[in-house]
Amino acid sequence: MKARVLRKQFIQMSKKVFIASGAGFSGDRFDAAVPLVAHLSSCDGPRYLIFEVLAERTIALAQIAKGTDPDAGYSPYLDNYLRPILRQIKTHNIKIVSNMGAANPVAAARHVNRLAAELDLPPFKIAVLQGDDLSAYLDEQTILQAPTMEGNRLSGRELKAANVYLGGDAVAKALANDVDMVLVGRTTDSALVLGPLLHEFGWREDDWDRLAAGTICGHLLECGAQVTGAYFADPGFKDVPALADVGFPVAEISDSGTFVITKPNHTGGCVTTATVTEQLLYEMHDPSCYIVPDVCADVTGLHLTEESENRIRIEGIKGTPRPVELKATVCVDGGFMAETELSYAGLNSLERAKLAGDVVIERMKTSGFNGDIRRDIIGAYSVLDGGSDQFSAGSTLPFDGDYRVRLSLISASKEPAQKLCDELQHLYCSGPAAGGGFRGSVTPQMASASILLDRDLIEPHITVEVVDK
């Protein structure tokens, strides 16, 4: 009996879980998962492929789509990501965990199996994780009147979406149903990785060091090729090979919590201590206390070792008990945004671009609009805060350059936004010489804020539904 126990413990200690990241945002490369699936198919151990495609406002847009069509509201790129690999993941028993479910993971699961039927594949058994949509069980006033930890004012505005960040424990609960795939709405990005590790290794819910290690592994994978050199690249300073064919990351995780970040062979990019460090610090407010629903991770003692080319081992991560509150993102009506542009080139073009902006801003004020209008001149000043007065008469900018004036505003009603676009377009013949390439758009906006809620309000509503047809 003792020998069998020891053998089981040895197998557990030597076991490795392989997790690859096929997308780091909604609209990331559609073909990135193909070499990952080929790589995972040769790995000896449980294999997972995650797709992280959900930004804070992406899910609010999905909620609006679901309100218009009850069968919509999941990632519009689901087909693009899954169609090229569904047959291979079925053949090689690679599990998918993804937040492509967005506002409607049940509809997403059904669509996956319609896609499987088109490819003459048997249906996938898919677990759908629910409970992140606060509007399903909390009244609107409770949500809108909650104190905000960051972001915009919520009270008195129309609620568009409210989603709480679920953790890896909820994802593990979904995987416990012996499924091929887990589709979720709003979780922390790292939960897509921590969930499989909790499921495979059976880590205790208070094993803070291991939970922290799994969380940081997820944090390194969540943005796709950012950790394999893509977002790292800066020619002449941080050169990255074969960026057009950059490989997306794969993690090899041991039961101890130690893990290796690598990428498929014969792909571009690189995995180095520098690329890993840069991604590690991405969006990390406090390296000694990185807070997620499952744990607070401390990476101040983390150690990176280059095992070989494109293989970085990470260890030394510590954890402390999880927070008593969960973060939620709330989106409300934010009015309308106007964005409009016109180009000027050739002799004295910068001055003509400045004059175009002056004319439109003056006419908007004359019409009664007293709100803020942002003016950028692309090629002279844009992106960062600032204005045209930062460029003196002695500016070194080219006298005969190529400049594009961009004007934008946000208004409560659509009319001022449309007027801004119209006024710039009028300058084709009613403004400075030789303007061209006009474009203008008016789009509805959302304002967002983060709130904290006691987890006791959330946990009773976390459920799993299994879809297998």
Protein backbone atom coordinates (compact mmCIF):
# COMPACT_ATOMS: atom_id res chain seq x y z
CA MET A 1 0.00 0.00 0.00
CA LYS A 2 2.77 2.45 0.97
CA ALA A 3 4.63 1.70 -2.28
CA ARG A 4 1.52 2.49 -4.33
CA VAL A 5 1.07 5.79 -2.49
CA LEU A 6 4.70 6.73 -3.04
CA ARG A 7 4.46 5.82 -6.73
CA LYS A 8 1.34 7.98 -7.11
CA GLN A 9 3.11 10.87 -5.42
CA PHE A 10 6.14 10.45 -7.70
CA ILE A 11 3.95 10.44 -10.81
CA GLN A 12 2.16 13.56 -9.60
CA MET A 13 5.46 15.33 -8.89
CA SER A 14 6.91 14.44 -12.30
CA LYS A 15 3.74 15.28 -14.21
CA LYS A 16 3.79 18.31 -16.47
CA VAL A 17 0.87 20.28 -17.88
CA PHE A 18 1.31 22.04 -21.22
CA ILE A 19 -0.65 25.23 -21.90
CA ALA A 20 -0.35 27.36 -25.05
CA SER A 21 -1.83 30.78 -25.80
CA GLY A 22 -3.42 31.22 -29.22
CA ALA A 23 -4.62 34.83 -28.86
CA GLY A 24 -3.92 37.81 -26.64
CA PHE A 25 -6.77 40.12 -27.68
CA SER A 26 -9.91 40.17 -29.81
CA GLY A 27 -8.63 40.23 -33.38
CA ASP A 28 -5.18 38.78 -32.69
CA ARG A 29 -3.60 36.63 -35.43
CA PHE A 30 -6.05 33.97 -36.59
CA ASP A 31 -3.36 31.47 -37.65
CA ALA A 32 -1.23 31.64 -34.49
CA ALA A 33 -2.76 28.50 -32.98
CA VAL A 34 -1.84 26.22 -35.92
CA PRO A 35 1.84 25.73 -34.93
CA LEU A 36 0.80 25.61 -31.26
CA VAL A 37 -1.51 22.66 -31.91
CA ALA A 38 1.27 20.89 -33.81
CA HIS A 39 3.61 21.53 -30.87
CA LEU A 40 1.11 20.39 -28.23
CA SER A 41 0.29 17.20 -30.13
CA SER A 42 3.82 15.94 -29.41
CA CYS A 43 3.79 16.82 -25.69
CA ASP A 44 3.49 14.06 -23.10
CA GLY A 45 0.93 15.22 -20.58
CA PRO A 46 -2.35 17.13 -20.31
CA ARG A 47 -2.52 19.76 -23.05
CA TYR A 48 -4.51 22.97 -23.16
CA LEU A 49 -4.93 25.81 -25.62
CA ILE A 50 -6.26 29.14 -24.36
CA PHE A 51 -7.63 32.09 -26.31
CA GLU A 52 -7.79 35.37 -24.38
CA VAL A 53 -9.93 37.76 -26.45
CA LEU A 54 -11.89 39.85 -23.95
CA ALA A 55 -11.07 43.45 -23.04
CA GLU A 56 -13.00 45.48 -20.47
CA ARG A 57 -15.29 47.12 -23.01
CA THR A 58 -15.38 44.19 -25.45
CA ILE A 59 -17.85 42.40 -23.22
CA ALA A 60 -20.06 45.49 -22.97
CA LEU A 61 -20.28 45.60 -26.77
CA ALA A 62 -21.12 41.90 -26.65
CA GLN A 63 -23.92 42.58 -24.14
CA ILE A 64 -25.40 45.15 -26.51
CA ALA A 65 -25.22 42.66 -29.39
CA LYS A 66 -26.95 40.01 -27.24
CA GLY A 67 -29.71 42.50 -26.40
CA THR A 68 -30.41 42.86 -30.11
CA ASP A 69 -30.08 39.15 -30.94
CA PRO A 70 -30.33 36.47 -28.19
CA ASP A 71 -28.10 34.16 -30.26
CA ALA A 72 -25.31 36.78 -30.52
CA GLY A 73 -22.95 38.25 -27.96
CA TYR A 74 -19.97 35.90 -28.23
CA SER A 75 -16.67 36.61 -29.96
CA PRO A 76 -17.17 37.58 -33.62
CA TYR A 77 -13.84 35.86 -34.33
CA LEU A 78 -14.77 32.44 -32.93
CA ASP A 79 -14.83 30.83 -36.39
CA ASN A 80 -11.53 32.43 -37.38
CA TYR A 81 -9.75 30.97 -34.38
CA LEU A 82 -11.34 27.53 -34.16
CA ARG A 83 -12.13 26.40 -37.70
CA PRO A 84 -8.45 25.80 -38.67
CA ILE A 85 -7.73 23.64 -35.60
CA LEU A 86 -10.94 21.86 -34.51
CA ARG A 87 -10.07 18.60 -36.24
CA GLN A 88 -6.56 18.51 -34.78
CA ILE A 89 -7.63 19.27 -31.22
CA LYS A 90 -10.24 16.52 -31.42
CA THR A 91 -7.66 14.07 -32.76
CA HIS A 92 -5.00 14.91 -30.17
CA ASN A 93 -7.31 15.48 -27.19
CA ILE A 94 -6.22 19.08 -26.66
CA LYS A 95 -8.62 20.98 -24.42
CA ILE A 96 -9.60 24.58 -25.13
CA VAL A 97 -10.25 27.17 -22.43
CA SER A 98 -11.34 30.58 -23.69
CA ASN A 99 -13.32 33.69 -22.88
CA MET A 100 -14.71 33.74 -26.43
CA GLY A 101 -18.06 33.18 -24.74
CA ALA A 102 -18.13 36.90 -23.81
CA ALA A 103 -21.74 37.87 -23.02
CA ASN A 104 -23.26 34.65 -24.33
CA PRO A 105 -21.10 31.56 -23.72
CA VAL A 106 -24.07 29.18 -24.15
CA ALA A 107 -24.68 30.48 -27.68
CA ALA A 108 -20.93 30.27 -28.32
CA ALA A 109 -20.90 26.59 -27.29
CA ARG A 110 -23.79 25.81 -29.60
CA HIS A 111 -22.03 27.59 -32.44
CA VAL A 112 -18.86 25.56 -31.85
CA ASN A 113 -20.84 22.37 -32.31
CA ARG A 114 -22.53 23.72 -35.44
CA LEU A 115 -19.04 24.35 -36.74
CA ALA A 116 -18.02 20.81 -35.75
CA ALA A 117 -20.99 19.43 -37.68
CA GLU A 118 -19.93 21.41 -40.77
CA LEU A 119 -16.51 19.74 -40.49
CA ASP A 120 -18.08 16.27 -40.04
CA LEU A 121 -16.76 16.06 -36.48
CA PRO A 122 -18.65 14.63 -33.52
CA PRO A 123 -19.92 17.25 -31.08
CA PHE A 124 -17.65 18.63 -28.40
CA LYS A 125 -18.62 18.40 -24.76
CA ILE A 126 -18.41 22.04 -23.66
CA ALA A 127 -18.72 23.46 -20.16
CA VAL A 128 -20.11 26.99 -19.99
CA LEU A 129 -19.16 29.06 -16.95
CA GLN A 130 -21.77 31.59 -15.81
CA GLY A 131 -22.11 34.04 -12.95
CA ASP A 132 -19.98 36.96 -14.12
CA ASP A 133 -23.00 38.92 -15.44
CA LEU A 134 -24.07 40.93 -12.38
CA SER A 135 -27.24 42.18 -14.06
CA ALA A 136 -28.58 38.61 -13.97
CA TYR A 137 -28.87 38.63 -10.17
CA LEU A 138 -28.19 42.12 -8.76
CA ASP A 139 -30.56 45.05 -9.21
CA GLU A 140 -29.35 47.99 -11.27
CA GLN A 141 -29.24 50.46 -8.39
CA THR A 142 -27.01 48.18 -6.32
CA ILE A 143 -24.56 48.12 -9.20
CA LEU A 144 -24.68 51.81 -10.13
CA GLN A 145 -24.47 53.04 -6.55
CA ALA A 146 -21.48 50.90 -5.59
CA PRO A 147 -18.38 52.95 -4.74
CA THR A 148 -15.99 53.13 -7.69
CA MET A 149 -12.32 52.30 -7.21
CA GLU A 150 -11.41 53.88 -10.56
CA GLY A 151 -13.12 55.26 -13.64
CA ASN A 152 -16.19 57.33 -14.40
CA ARG A 153 -19.28 58.36 -12.45
CA LEU A 154 -21.97 55.66 -12.70
CA SER A 155 -25.06 56.95 -10.91
CA GLY A 156 -27.75 58.49 -13.07
CA ARG A 157 -26.51 56.84 -16.28
CA GLU A 158 -27.95 53.99 -18.33
CA LEU A 159 -26.38 50.64 -17.45
CA LYS A 160 -24.96 48.77 -20.44
CA ALA A 161 -23.01 45.94 -18.79
CA ALA A 162 -21.67 44.84 -15.41
CA ASN A 163 -19.35 41.86 -15.17
CA VAL A 164 -17.37 40.57 -12.23
CA TYR A 165 -13.96 38.93 -12.64
CA LEU A 166 -14.23 35.24 -11.75
CA GLY A 167 -11.13 33.27 -10.79
CA GLY A 168 -9.34 30.07 -11.67
CA ASP A 169 -11.33 28.12 -9.07
CA ALA A 170 -14.48 28.67 -11.15
CA VAL A 171 -12.71 27.51 -14.33
CA ALA A 172 -11.51 24.38 -12.50
CA LYS A 173 -15.11 23.73 -11.45
CA ALA A 174 -16.10 23.76 -15.12
CA LEU A 175 -13.26 21.41 -16.12
CA ALA A 176 -14.36 18.91 -13.47
CA ASN A 177 -17.22 17.91 -15.81
CA ASP A 178 -14.84 15.88 -18.04
CA VAL A 179 -15.25 18.26 -20.99
CA ASP A 180 -13.38 19.01 -24.20
CA MET A 181 -13.72 22.76 -23.89
CA VAL A 182 -14.58 25.50 -21.40
CA LEU A 183 -16.10 28.75 -22.59
CA VAL A 184 -16.38 31.62 -20.13
CA GLY A 185 -17.43 35.23 -20.02
CA ARG A 186 -15.54 37.57 -17.71
CA THR A 187 -12.76 35.97 -15.70
CA THR A 188 -9.34 37.31 -14.92
CA ASP A 189 -7.16 36.60 -17.93
CA SER A 190 -4.80 34.49 -15.84
CA ALA A 191 -7.71 32.29 -14.68
CA LEU A 192 -7.71 30.65 -18.12
CA VAL A 193 -4.37 29.11 -17.11
CA LEU A 194 -4.78 28.75 -13.34
CA GLY A 195 -8.06 26.85 -13.79
CA PRO A 196 -6.49 23.96 -15.75
CA LEU A 197 -3.61 23.78 -13.25
CA LEU A 198 -6.01 23.55 -10.29
CA HIS A 199 -7.89 20.83 -12.14
CA GLU A 200 -4.85 18.80 -13.17
CA PHE A 201 -2.74 19.09 -10.02
CA GLY A 202 -5.49 19.33 -7.42
CA TRP A 203 -3.80 22.24 -5.68
CA ARG A 204 -5.47 23.24 -2.40
CA GLU A 205 -7.40 26.49 -2.39
CA ASP A 206 -5.06 27.83 0.32
CA ASP A 207 -1.79 26.70 -1.28
CA TRP A 208 -0.93 30.33 -1.87
CA ASP A 209 2.52 29.85 -3.41
CA ARG A 210 1.28 27.41 -6.06
CA LEU A 211 -1.79 29.51 -6.79
CA ALA A 212 0.45 32.54 -7.20
CA ALA A 213 2.76 30.62 -9.55
CA GLY A 214 -0.18 29.50 -11.69
CA THR A 215 -1.49 33.05 -11.77
CA ILE A 216 1.82 34.50 -12.92
CA CYS A 217 2.12 31.77 -15.53
CA GLY A 218 -1.29 32.88 -16.81
CA HIS A 219 -0.21 36.51 -16.70
CA LEU A 220 2.80 35.72 -18.90
CA LEU A 221 0.67 33.80 -21.42
CA GLU A 222 -2.39 36.03 -21.51
CA CYS A 223 -1.14 38.55 -24.08
CA GLY A 224 0.03 36.00 -26.63
CA ALA A 225 3.13 37.04 -28.55
CA GLN A 226 3.96 39.92 -26.20
CA VAL A 227 6.09 37.43 -24.24
CA THR A 228 7.68 35.92 -27.35
CA GLY A 229 9.11 39.17 -28.67
CA ALA A 230 6.32 40.79 -30.68
CA TYR A 231 5.43 43.77 -28.50
CA PHE A 232 9.02 43.75 -27.27
CA ALA A 233 10.45 44.54 -30.73
CA ASP A 234 12.12 47.93 -31.25
CA PRO A 235 14.49 47.85 -34.25
CA GLY A 236 18.06 48.76 -33.49
CA PHE A 237 17.45 48.59 -29.73
CA LYS A 238 15.61 45.30 -29.17
CA ASP A 239 15.83 43.31 -32.38
CA VAL A 240 13.54 40.30 -32.78
CA PRO A 241 14.02 37.70 -35.54
CA ALA A 242 11.32 36.78 -38.07
CA LEU A 243 8.56 38.87 -36.51
CA ALA A 244 6.20 38.19 -39.42
CA ASP A 245 6.13 34.54 -38.30
CA VAL A 246 6.29 35.11 -34.54
CA GLY A 247 5.55 32.03 -32.47
CA PHE A 248 3.01 32.30 -29.69
CA PRO A 249 3.94 31.06 -26.20
CA VAL A 250 3.76 27.64 -24.58
CA ALA A 251 4.15 26.99 -20.84
CA GLU A 252 5.35 23.72 -19.33
CA ILE A 253 4.19 23.63 -15.70
CA SER A 254 5.23 21.27 -12.89
CA ASP A 255 3.23 20.43 -9.77
CA SER A 256 5.69 22.47 -7.67
CA GLY A 257 4.61 25.63 -9.51
CA THR A 258 7.89 26.00 -11.38
CA PHE A 259 7.30 26.51 -15.09
CA VAL A 260 9.06 27.15 -18.39
CA ILE A 261 7.99 29.62 -21.07
CA THR A 262 8.92 28.62 -24.62
CA LYS A 263 7.50 28.64 -28.16
CA PRO A 264 7.18 26.17 -31.04
CA ASN A 265 10.30 25.33 -32.99
CA HIS A 266 10.73 26.91 -36.43
CA THR A 267 8.68 29.99 -35.55
CA GLY A 268 9.86 33.58 -35.32
CA GLY A 269 10.25 35.76 -32.29
CA CYS A 270 12.25 34.96 -29.16
CA VAL A 271 11.80 34.02 -25.50
CA THR A 272 14.44 35.66 -23.34
CA THR A 273 14.78 36.93 -19.80
CA ALA A 274 14.10 40.40 -21.23
CA THR A 275 10.88 39.48 -23.06
CA VAL A 276 9.60 37.59 -20.02
CA THR A 277 10.49 40.43 -17.65
CA GLU A 278 8.76 42.99 -19.83
CA GLN A 279 5.53 40.98 -19.95
CA LEU A 280 5.79 40.17 -16.24
CA LEU A 281 5.68 43.88 -15.37
CA TYR A 282 2.87 44.63 -17.83
CA GLU A 283 -0.19 45.99 -15.95
CA MET A 284 1.35 45.04 -12.61
CA HIS A 285 0.48 47.75 -10.12
CA ASP A 286 2.43 46.24 -7.19
CA PRO A 287 4.97 43.44 -7.79
CA SER A 288 4.70 42.43 -4.13
CA CYS A 289 0.91 42.10 -4.25
CA TYR A 290 -0.60 41.31 -7.65
CA ILE A 291 -4.28 40.81 -6.76
CA VAL A 292 -6.56 38.30 -8.50
CA PRO A 293 -9.64 36.49 -7.14
CA ASP A 294 -7.68 33.38 -6.08
CA VAL A 295 -4.56 34.84 -4.46
CA CYS A 296 -2.27 37.84 -4.05
CA ALA A 297 0.98 37.09 -5.89
CA ASP A 298 4.43 38.36 -4.92
CA VAL A 299 7.05 38.32 -7.69
CA THR A 300 9.75 40.31 -5.89
CA GLY A 301 11.71 37.09 -5.28
CA LEU A 302 11.03 35.59 -8.70
CA HIS A 303 14.03 34.11 -10.51
CA LEU A 304 14.47 33.62 -14.26
CA THR A 305 16.87 31.06 -15.71
CA GLU A 306 17.70 30.56 -19.37
CA GLU A 307 17.64 26.77 -19.73
CA SER A 308 18.47 26.95 -23.43
CA GLU A 309 17.57 29.10 -26.42
CA ASN A 310 13.93 30.21 -26.20
CA ARG A 311 13.38 28.41 -22.88
CA ILE A 312 13.08 30.49 -19.69
CA ARG A 313 12.40 28.77 -16.36
CA ILE A 314 10.46 30.79 -13.75
CA GLU A 315 10.47 30.02 -10.03
CA GLY A 316 10.47 31.74 -6.66
CA ILE A 317 6.93 33.15 -6.78
CA LYS A 318 5.15 33.57 -3.45
CA GLY A 319 1.52 34.09 -2.56
CA THR A 320 -0.66 35.44 0.24
CA PRO A 321 -4.39 34.91 0.94
CA ARG A 322 -6.95 35.93 -1.64
CA PRO A 323 -8.93 39.21 -1.34
CA VAL A 324 -12.34 39.27 0.33
CA GLU A 325 -13.77 41.40 -2.49
CA LEU A 326 -14.00 40.84 -6.22
CA LYS A 327 -13.50 43.47 -8.88
CA ALA A 328 -16.20 44.16 -11.44
CA THR A 329 -16.23 46.38 -14.52
CA VAL A 330 -19.39 48.41 -15.07
CA CYS A 331 -20.14 50.14 -18.39
CA VAL A 332 -22.74 52.86 -18.81
CA ASP A 333 -23.91 55.05 -21.67
CA GLY A 334 -21.14 57.47 -22.62
CA GLY A 335 -22.74 59.60 -25.33
CA PHE A 336 -21.26 59.92 -28.83
CA MET A 337 -17.74 60.37 -30.13
CA ALA A 338 -16.85 62.21 -33.30
CA GLU A 339 -13.53 61.58 -35.03
CA THR A 340 -12.72 63.42 -38.22
CA GLU A 341 -9.53 63.96 -40.24
CA LEU A 342 -8.19 65.88 -43.23
CA SER A 343 -4.68 65.90 -44.76
CA TYR A 344 -2.43 68.72 -45.93
CA ALA A 345 0.87 68.24 -47.77
CA GLY A 346 3.51 70.30 -49.52
CA LEU A 347 4.71 73.86 -48.93
CA ASN A 348 3.50 75.42 -45.65
CA SER A 349 1.30 72.38 -44.97
CA LEU A 350 1.66 72.48 -41.17
CA GLU A 351 0.31 76.04 -41.02
CA ARG A 352 -2.59 75.09 -43.29
CA ALA A 353 -3.40 72.12 -41.03
CA LYS A 354 -3.32 74.40 -37.96
CA LEU A 355 -5.60 76.92 -39.67
CA ALA A 356 -8.08 74.17 -40.61
CA GLY A 357 -8.38 73.21 -36.97
CA ASP A 358 -8.76 76.84 -35.90
CA VAL A 359 -11.60 77.39 -38.38
CA VAL A 360 -13.58 74.34 -37.29
CA ILE A 361 -13.15 75.03 -33.56
CA GLU A 362 -14.27 78.64 -34.02
CA ARG A 363 -17.36 77.59 -35.98
CA MET A 364 -18.27 74.98 -33.37
CA LYS A 365 -18.10 77.64 -30.63
CA THR A 366 -20.16 80.05 -32.72
CA SER A 367 -22.83 77.36 -33.11
CA GLY A 368 -23.09 77.06 -29.31
CA PHE A 369 -20.88 74.06 -28.57
CA ASN A 370 -18.78 74.83 -25.49
CA GLY A 371 -17.38 71.37 -24.78
CA ASP A 372 -13.83 70.15 -25.25
CA ILE A 373 -12.57 69.52 -28.76
CA ARG A 374 -9.32 67.64 -29.06
CA ARG A 375 -7.03 68.63 -31.90
CA ASP A 376 -4.10 66.50 -33.07
CA ILE A 377 -1.92 67.13 -36.07
CA ILE A 378 -0.51 63.76 -37.02
CA GLY A 379 3.08 64.21 -38.12
CA ALA A 380 3.52 67.22 -35.81
CA TYR A 381 1.78 66.43 -32.54
CA SER A 382 -0.62 63.62 -31.63
CA VAL A 383 -1.23 60.78 -29.17
CA LEU A 384 0.24 62.55 -26.13
CA ASP A 385 -1.36 65.56 -24.44
CA GLY A 386 -0.36 68.90 -25.89
CA GLY A 387 -1.38 71.55 -28.36
CA SER A 388 -0.15 73.51 -31.31
CA ASP A 389 1.39 76.19 -29.10
CA GLN A 390 4.23 73.80 -28.28
CA PHE A 391 5.58 74.40 -31.79
CA SER A 392 7.22 77.80 -32.12
CA ALA A 393 7.95 79.70 -35.28
CA GLY A 394 11.44 78.24 -35.12
CA SER A 395 10.20 74.65 -35.18
CA THR A 396 12.40 72.15 -37.00
CA LEU A 397 9.37 70.42 -38.52
CA PRO A 398 9.48 70.32 -42.34
CA PHE A 399 8.05 73.35 -44.14
CA ASP A 400 6.89 71.01 -46.92
CA GLY A 401 5.86 68.01 -44.83
CA ASP A 402 2.78 65.81 -44.74
CA TYR A 403 0.31 66.55 -41.94
CA ARG A 404 -3.15 65.30 -41.02
CA VAL A 405 -5.41 67.31 -38.75
CA ARG A 406 -7.59 65.19 -36.47
CA LEU A 407 -10.46 66.63 -34.42
CA SER A 408 -12.52 64.70 -31.90
CA LEU A 409 -15.12 65.29 -29.21
CA ILE A 410 -17.56 63.42 -27.00
CA SER A 411 -21.06 64.80 -26.51
CA ALA A 412 -24.18 63.60 -24.73
CA SER A 413 -26.24 63.86 -27.93
CA LYS A 414 -25.38 62.92 -31.49
CA GLU A 415 -25.91 66.33 -33.10
CA PRO A 416 -22.70 68.12 -31.95
CA ALA A 417 -20.64 65.06 -32.87
CA GLN A 418 -22.07 64.99 -36.39
CA LYS A 419 -21.61 68.74 -36.74
CA LEU A 420 -17.87 68.45 -36.03
CA CYS A 421 -17.51 65.97 -38.90
CA ASP A 422 -19.58 68.15 -41.20
CA GLU A 423 -17.58 71.27 -40.40
CA LEU A 424 -14.25 69.66 -41.28
CA GLN A 425 -15.67 68.23 -44.49
CA HIS A 426 -16.84 71.75 -45.48
CA LEU A 427 -13.16 72.75 -45.64
CA TYR A 428 -12.68 70.93 -48.93
CA CYS A 429 -13.65 74.23 -50.57
CA SER A 430 -14.33 76.52 -47.59
CA GLY A 431 -10.99 76.27 -45.86
CA PRO A 432 -7.22 76.37 -46.38
CA ALA A 433 -5.80 75.31 -49.71
CA ALA A 434 -5.42 71.69 -50.78
CA GLY A 435 -7.07 69.67 -48.04
CA GLY A 436 -7.73 66.04 -48.98
CA GLY A 437 -8.46 62.55 -47.72
CA PHE A 438 -11.39 63.48 -45.47
CA ARG A 439 -12.92 60.91 -43.20
CA GLY A 440 -15.38 61.27 -40.36
CA SER A 441 -17.32 58.98 -38.07
CA VAL A 442 -19.75 59.25 -35.17
CA THR A 443 -19.95 56.29 -32.82
CA PRO A 444 -21.86 55.62 -29.57
CA GLN A 445 -19.59 55.47 -26.56
CA MET A 446 -19.51 53.78 -23.18
CA ALA A 447 -18.02 55.01 -19.96
CA SER A 448 -16.61 52.46 -17.53
CA ALA A 449 -15.66 52.16 -13.91
CA SER A 450 -14.34 49.46 -11.60
CA ILE A 451 -16.17 48.55 -8.42
CA LEU A 452 -15.50 46.07 -5.61
CA LEU A 453 -18.14 43.65 -4.34
CA ASP A 454 -18.09 41.15 -1.48
CA ARG A 455 -17.48 37.70 -2.95
CA ASP A 456 -20.39 36.35 -0.89
CA LEU A 457 -22.70 38.22 -3.28
CA ILE A 458 -21.09 36.48 -6.26
CA GLU A 459 -20.18 32.90 -5.43
CA PRO A 460 -23.74 31.50 -5.02
CA HIS A 461 -24.45 32.49 -8.62
CA ILE A 462 -21.46 30.80 -10.28
CA THR A 463 -22.83 27.88 -12.29
CA VAL A 464 -21.69 25.49 -14.99
CA GLU A 465 -23.83 24.32 -17.90
CA VAL A 466 -22.68 21.49 -20.16
CA VAL A 467 -23.50 21.73 -23.88
CA ASP A 468 -22.83 18.65 -25.98
CA LYS A 469 -24.89 19.13 -29.11
